[in-house]
Amino acid sequence: MYRVQLRSLNSGAPRAMALMQQAGWQYSAYQLGLGEVGYPRLVNMWDLYLLALNDVIEMEGETSPALLQPLEGMLQAQYLIAGYDGGTQTAGFSADTYDNRQQQGRFYAYRSQSYEKGQAVINAIYDIKREQYGADSVETAEARIMLGDWFQWHGERQDAARSYRAALAELMTLENAQQEVDRLFGEPVALPDVAGVRPLPRAEQAGTGHVLLEYGVTETGRVVNLERLDENSSIDGKANRLMRKLRQTPFRPRFEAGEPVATEKLVRAYEVIQ
């Protein structure tokens, strides 16, 4: 259907939607582990969203809100490309064929540019939201936080702190400033905070099948003092894997008075599939 659509549709909204549907399928296939290796799907995902973006720009210009959907897909792809370790597929980079070596070379080229490309995508999202909502709005502040999260996830903490402080300054101009500050900076947030690539299950009310954990997050966004509080031995393996993942996960730290601060004794319950 995708090939038929590309042959039959001219540039514009219908073709952009077809491209994004195919990009979404590539994402789903990657998540399911379909195929011997996963990285070509991430490259395809980026390329398809980029083609969709160009179609929308051609029809609606460079500040259209319709650009946000492909841009958000491109950011999702960049997080996956930057964080790829071969773990989703069983083969990783092991298959040694001419075609696979070409695909590997292409993937490595994409990953070498990932930091700059992700930053450029977020800046484009910010510009569109600024044009649409104004400089002092929740939406533009959220885009600045998105940029700070990208820096924080890459270990660029000074750049991240600058972006977070800029977002806080924008939020403080709002009538409901404290409410929005509390929502966005009132507690640590696991990164990436992007749909489809969030590293942890959603925290829920503790119950059967849940891992109950207590931990702290430093002012630099690092998990410390991680302890397990539940006694459900039937999920020990999954609980241990979740705890390893949590230790490796960077966080957006909590902010008070415009500065990052440590948070102690967070208690969270995570459901694991038995």
Protein backbone atom coordinates (compact mmCIF):
# COMPACT_ATOMS: atom_id res chain seq x y z
CA MET A 1 0.00 0.00 0.00
CA TYR A 2 2.88 2.34 0.81
CA ARG A 3 4.43 1.82 -2.64
CA VAL A 4 1.07 2.38 -4.34
CA GLN A 5 0.54 5.56 -2.34
CA LEU A 6 3.95 6.95 -3.29
CA ARG A 7 3.26 6.30 -6.99
CA SER A 8 -0.26 7.70 -6.94
CA LEU A 9 -0.06 10.64 -4.52
CA ASN A 10 1.51 14.02 -5.18
CA SER A 11 3.33 15.94 -2.48
CA GLY A 12 0.98 17.18 0.19
CA ALA A 13 -0.98 16.11 3.24
CA PRO A 14 -2.17 12.67 1.99
CA ARG A 15 1.34 11.61 0.96
CA ALA A 16 2.83 13.01 4.19
CA MET A 17 0.32 10.92 6.14
CA ALA A 18 1.26 7.81 4.14
CA LEU A 19 4.93 8.44 4.88
CA MET A 20 4.25 8.86 8.60
CA GLN A 21 2.12 5.71 8.69
CA GLN A 22 5.02 3.76 7.19
CA ALA A 23 7.41 5.39 9.69
CA GLY A 24 5.10 4.31 12.50
CA TRP A 25 5.10 0.77 11.13
CA GLN A 26 8.90 0.76 11.09
CA TYR A 27 8.87 1.82 14.75
CA SER A 28 6.43 -0.94 15.67
CA ALA A 29 8.44 -3.55 13.78
CA TYR A 30 11.58 -2.40 15.59
CA GLN A 31 9.88 -2.64 18.99
CA LEU A 32 8.62 -6.14 18.17
CA GLY A 33 12.07 -7.29 17.05
CA LEU A 34 10.94 -8.20 13.54
CA GLY A 35 13.89 -9.01 11.29
CA GLU A 36 17.44 -10.04 11.97
CA VAL A 37 18.69 -6.59 13.00
CA GLY A 38 16.91 -3.45 14.12
CA TYR A 39 19.02 -0.48 13.14
CA PRO A 40 17.86 -0.27 9.46
CA ARG A 41 14.32 0.29 10.72
CA LEU A 42 15.48 3.29 12.76
CA VAL A 43 17.22 4.78 9.72
CA ASN A 44 14.09 4.19 7.64
CA MET A 45 11.95 5.72 10.37
CA TRP A 46 14.03 8.91 10.34
CA ASP A 47 14.07 9.10 6.53
CA LEU A 48 10.31 8.65 6.25
CA TYR A 49 9.51 11.32 8.82
CA LEU A 50 11.96 13.66 7.07
CA LEU A 51 10.22 13.09 3.72
CA ALA A 52 6.86 13.79 5.38
CA LEU A 53 8.29 16.97 6.92
CA ASN A 54 9.47 18.21 3.54
CA ASP A 55 6.05 17.51 2.01
CA VAL A 56 4.33 19.57 4.72
CA ILE A 57 6.87 22.41 4.37
CA GLU A 58 6.25 22.51 0.61
CA MET A 59 2.50 22.84 1.14
CA GLU A 60 2.23 24.89 4.35
CA GLY A 61 5.56 26.60 5.01
CA GLU A 62 8.19 26.27 7.72
CA THR A 63 6.09 27.40 10.70
CA SER A 64 2.97 25.29 10.18
CA PRO A 65 1.69 23.43 13.27
CA ALA A 66 1.27 20.41 10.97
CA LEU A 67 5.08 20.06 11.08
CA LEU A 68 4.98 19.06 14.74
CA GLN A 69 3.87 15.48 14.08
CA PRO A 70 6.77 14.55 11.76
CA LEU A 71 9.22 16.50 13.94
CA GLU A 72 8.13 14.58 17.04
CA GLY A 73 8.59 11.33 15.10
CA MET A 74 12.06 12.46 14.05
CA LEU A 75 12.98 13.18 17.67
CA GLN A 76 11.74 9.74 18.69
CA ALA A 77 13.94 8.24 15.96
CA GLN A 78 16.99 10.18 17.12
CA TYR A 79 16.62 8.98 20.70
CA LEU A 80 16.42 5.40 19.43
CA ILE A 81 19.37 5.84 17.07
CA ALA A 82 21.55 7.45 19.74
CA GLY A 83 20.66 4.81 22.31
CA TYR A 84 20.81 1.74 20.07
CA ASP A 85 22.93 -1.09 21.44
CA GLY A 86 21.63 -4.04 19.43
CA GLY A 87 19.64 -5.33 22.36
CA THR A 88 16.21 -5.20 20.74
CA GLN A 89 17.19 -7.69 18.05
CA THR A 90 19.05 -10.93 18.74
CA ALA A 91 21.70 -10.39 16.10
CA GLY A 92 22.77 -6.85 16.88
CA PHE A 93 25.49 -6.00 14.36
CA SER A 94 26.72 -9.58 13.94
CA ALA A 95 25.45 -10.50 10.47
CA ASP A 96 28.42 -10.03 8.11
CA THR A 97 27.08 -9.59 4.59
CA TYR A 98 27.80 -6.93 2.00
CA ASP A 99 24.31 -5.50 2.33
CA ASN A 100 24.51 -5.48 6.10
CA ARG A 101 27.90 -3.77 6.06
CA GLN A 102 26.39 -1.04 3.88
CA GLN A 103 23.48 -0.68 6.28
CA GLN A 104 25.87 -0.57 9.23
CA GLY A 105 27.93 2.17 7.60
CA ARG A 106 24.82 4.20 6.95
CA PHE A 107 23.61 3.70 10.51
CA TYR A 108 26.95 4.72 12.02
CA ALA A 109 26.93 7.86 9.86
CA TYR A 110 23.45 8.70 11.15
CA ARG A 111 24.44 8.05 14.75
CA SER A 112 27.55 10.22 14.47
CA GLN A 113 25.23 13.12 13.59
CA SER A 114 22.50 12.23 16.08
CA TYR A 115 23.35 14.78 18.77
CA GLU A 116 23.23 17.71 16.32
CA LYS A 117 20.18 16.39 14.47
CA GLY A 118 18.19 15.89 17.66
CA GLN A 119 19.05 19.39 18.82
CA ALA A 120 18.03 20.83 15.46
CA VAL A 121 14.70 19.00 15.57
CA ILE A 122 13.91 20.36 19.04
CA ASN A 123 14.89 23.89 17.99
CA ALA A 124 12.47 23.58 15.06
CA ILE A 125 9.71 22.44 17.44
CA TYR A 126 10.47 25.44 19.68
CA ASP A 127 10.33 27.90 16.77
CA ILE A 128 6.96 26.56 15.62
CA LYS A 129 5.48 26.69 19.12
CA ARG A 130 6.86 30.18 19.68
CA GLU A 131 5.25 31.33 16.42
CA GLN A 132 1.96 29.64 17.30
CA TYR A 133 1.65 30.37 21.03
CA GLY A 134 4.02 33.27 21.71
CA ALA A 135 7.33 33.55 23.52
CA ASP A 136 5.92 33.35 27.05
CA SER A 137 3.70 30.30 26.97
CA VAL A 138 3.56 26.85 28.49
CA GLU A 139 4.11 25.34 25.05
CA THR A 140 7.38 27.17 24.38
CA ALA A 141 8.60 26.45 27.91
CA GLU A 142 7.89 22.75 27.34
CA ALA A 143 9.95 22.90 24.15
CA ARG A 144 12.85 24.43 26.09
CA ILE A 145 12.53 21.63 28.63
CA MET A 146 12.62 19.16 25.74
CA LEU A 147 15.96 20.65 24.70
CA GLY A 148 17.22 20.51 28.28
CA ASP A 149 16.21 16.84 28.46
CA TRP A 150 18.17 16.12 25.27
CA PHE A 151 21.27 17.72 26.79
CA GLN A 152 20.75 15.99 30.14
CA TRP A 153 20.31 12.57 28.50
CA HIS A 154 23.62 13.09 26.68
CA GLY A 155 25.40 14.09 29.90
CA GLU A 156 25.69 17.79 28.99
CA ARG A 157 24.47 18.98 32.37
CA GLN A 158 25.52 22.63 32.13
CA ASP A 159 23.69 23.07 28.83
CA ALA A 160 20.72 21.22 30.29
CA ALA A 161 20.63 23.49 33.35
CA ARG A 162 20.68 26.59 31.13
CA SER A 163 17.72 25.30 29.12
CA TYR A 164 15.80 24.38 32.26
CA ARG A 165 16.41 27.83 33.78
CA ALA A 166 15.26 29.50 30.55
CA ALA A 167 12.08 27.43 30.69
CA LEU A 168 11.54 28.39 34.32
CA ALA A 169 11.93 32.07 33.43
CA GLU A 170 9.25 31.70 30.74
CA LEU A 171 6.93 29.85 33.10
CA MET A 172 7.23 32.56 35.76
CA THR A 173 5.53 35.05 33.42
CA LEU A 174 2.30 33.03 33.47
CA GLU A 175 -0.68 33.67 35.74
CA ASN A 176 -0.57 30.06 36.97
CA ALA A 177 3.23 30.04 37.14
CA GLN A 178 3.67 28.00 40.31
CA GLN A 179 1.20 25.36 39.17
CA GLU A 180 3.12 24.85 35.90
CA VAL A 181 6.51 24.92 37.63
CA ASP A 182 5.31 22.24 40.04
CA ARG A 183 3.96 20.14 37.19
CA LEU A 184 7.16 20.26 35.15
CA PHE A 185 9.86 20.57 37.82
CA GLY A 186 8.18 19.43 41.03
CA GLU A 187 9.70 15.94 40.95
CA PRO A 188 12.42 14.09 39.03
CA VAL A 189 11.48 12.82 35.57
CA ALA A 190 13.08 9.78 33.92
CA LEU A 191 14.60 10.49 30.51
CA PRO A 192 13.83 10.34 27.67
CA ASP A 193 10.45 11.86 28.47
CA VAL A 194 9.18 11.21 24.95
CA ALA A 195 6.27 8.97 23.98
CA GLY A 196 7.44 5.61 22.67
CA VAL A 197 10.96 5.79 24.12
CA ARG A 198 10.35 6.27 27.85
CA PRO A 199 12.77 3.95 29.67
CA LEU A 200 10.60 2.86 32.61
CA PRO A 201 7.09 1.49 33.05
CA ARG A 202 4.55 4.01 34.26
CA ALA A 203 4.51 4.35 38.05
CA GLU A 204 1.22 3.09 39.51
CA GLN A 205 -0.47 2.26 42.79
CA ALA A 206 1.23 -0.70 44.42
CA GLY A 207 -0.52 -4.05 43.99
CA THR A 208 -0.03 -7.67 42.95
CA GLY A 209 2.57 -7.97 40.22
CA HIS A 210 4.17 -4.65 41.07
CA VAL A 211 7.76 -3.94 42.04
CA LEU A 212 7.88 -1.41 44.85
CA LEU A 213 11.09 0.63 44.87
CA GLU A 214 12.57 3.44 46.92
CA TYR A 215 15.37 5.61 45.58
CA GLY A 216 16.79 9.10 45.47
CA VAL A 217 17.77 11.33 42.54
CA THR A 218 20.73 13.68 42.91
CA GLU A 219 20.77 17.28 41.72
CA THR A 220 22.68 16.01 38.66
CA GLY A 221 19.91 13.53 37.80
CA ARG A 222 21.60 10.31 38.98
CA VAL A 223 19.72 7.53 40.82
CA VAL A 224 21.11 6.70 44.28
CA ASN A 225 20.13 4.59 47.30
CA LEU A 226 17.93 2.24 45.29
CA GLU A 227 16.13 -0.36 47.43
CA ARG A 228 13.37 -2.85 46.76
CA LEU A 229 10.49 -2.75 49.24
CA ASP A 230 8.16 -5.52 48.03
CA GLU A 231 8.63 -9.22 48.82
CA ASN A 232 7.13 -10.77 45.70
CA SER A 233 9.74 -13.45 44.93
CA SER A 234 7.88 -14.64 41.82
CA ILE A 235 9.04 -11.55 39.93
CA ASP A 236 12.63 -11.39 41.18
CA GLY A 237 14.17 -11.67 37.72
CA LYS A 238 12.06 -8.90 36.21
CA ALA A 239 12.53 -6.76 39.32
CA ASN A 240 16.31 -7.07 39.09
CA ARG A 241 16.28 -6.10 35.41
CA LEU A 242 14.08 -3.10 36.19
CA MET A 243 16.44 -2.01 38.96
CA ARG A 244 19.46 -2.27 36.63
CA LYS A 245 17.59 -0.17 34.09
CA LEU A 246 16.67 2.41 36.72
CA ARG A 247 20.29 2.76 37.85
CA GLN A 248 21.28 3.51 34.24
CA THR A 249 18.48 6.02 33.62
CA PRO A 250 19.29 9.76 33.78
CA PHE A 251 16.62 12.03 35.26
CA ARG A 252 15.58 15.63 34.91
CA PRO A 253 16.17 16.71 38.51
CA ARG A 254 13.68 18.51 40.67
CA PHE A 255 14.13 22.29 40.82
CA GLU A 256 13.63 24.66 43.73
CA ALA A 257 14.12 28.44 43.50
CA GLY A 258 15.50 28.04 40.00
CA GLU A 259 18.18 25.50 40.91
CA PRO A 260 18.39 21.68 40.65
CA VAL A 261 18.14 19.91 44.00
CA ALA A 262 18.43 16.35 45.27
CA THR A 263 15.29 14.35 45.99
CA GLU A 264 15.33 11.60 48.62
CA LYS A 265 13.16 8.56 49.32
CA LEU A 266 10.98 8.51 46.24
CA VAL A 267 8.68 5.46 46.46
CA ARG A 268 7.36 4.15 43.15
CA ALA A 269 5.47 1.02 42.13
CA TYR A 270 6.05 -0.43 38.65
CA GLU A 271 3.99 -3.19 37.11
CA VAL A 272 5.93 -6.01 35.47
CA ILE A 273 4.38 -8.68 33.27
CA GLN A 274 4.68 -12.07 34.90
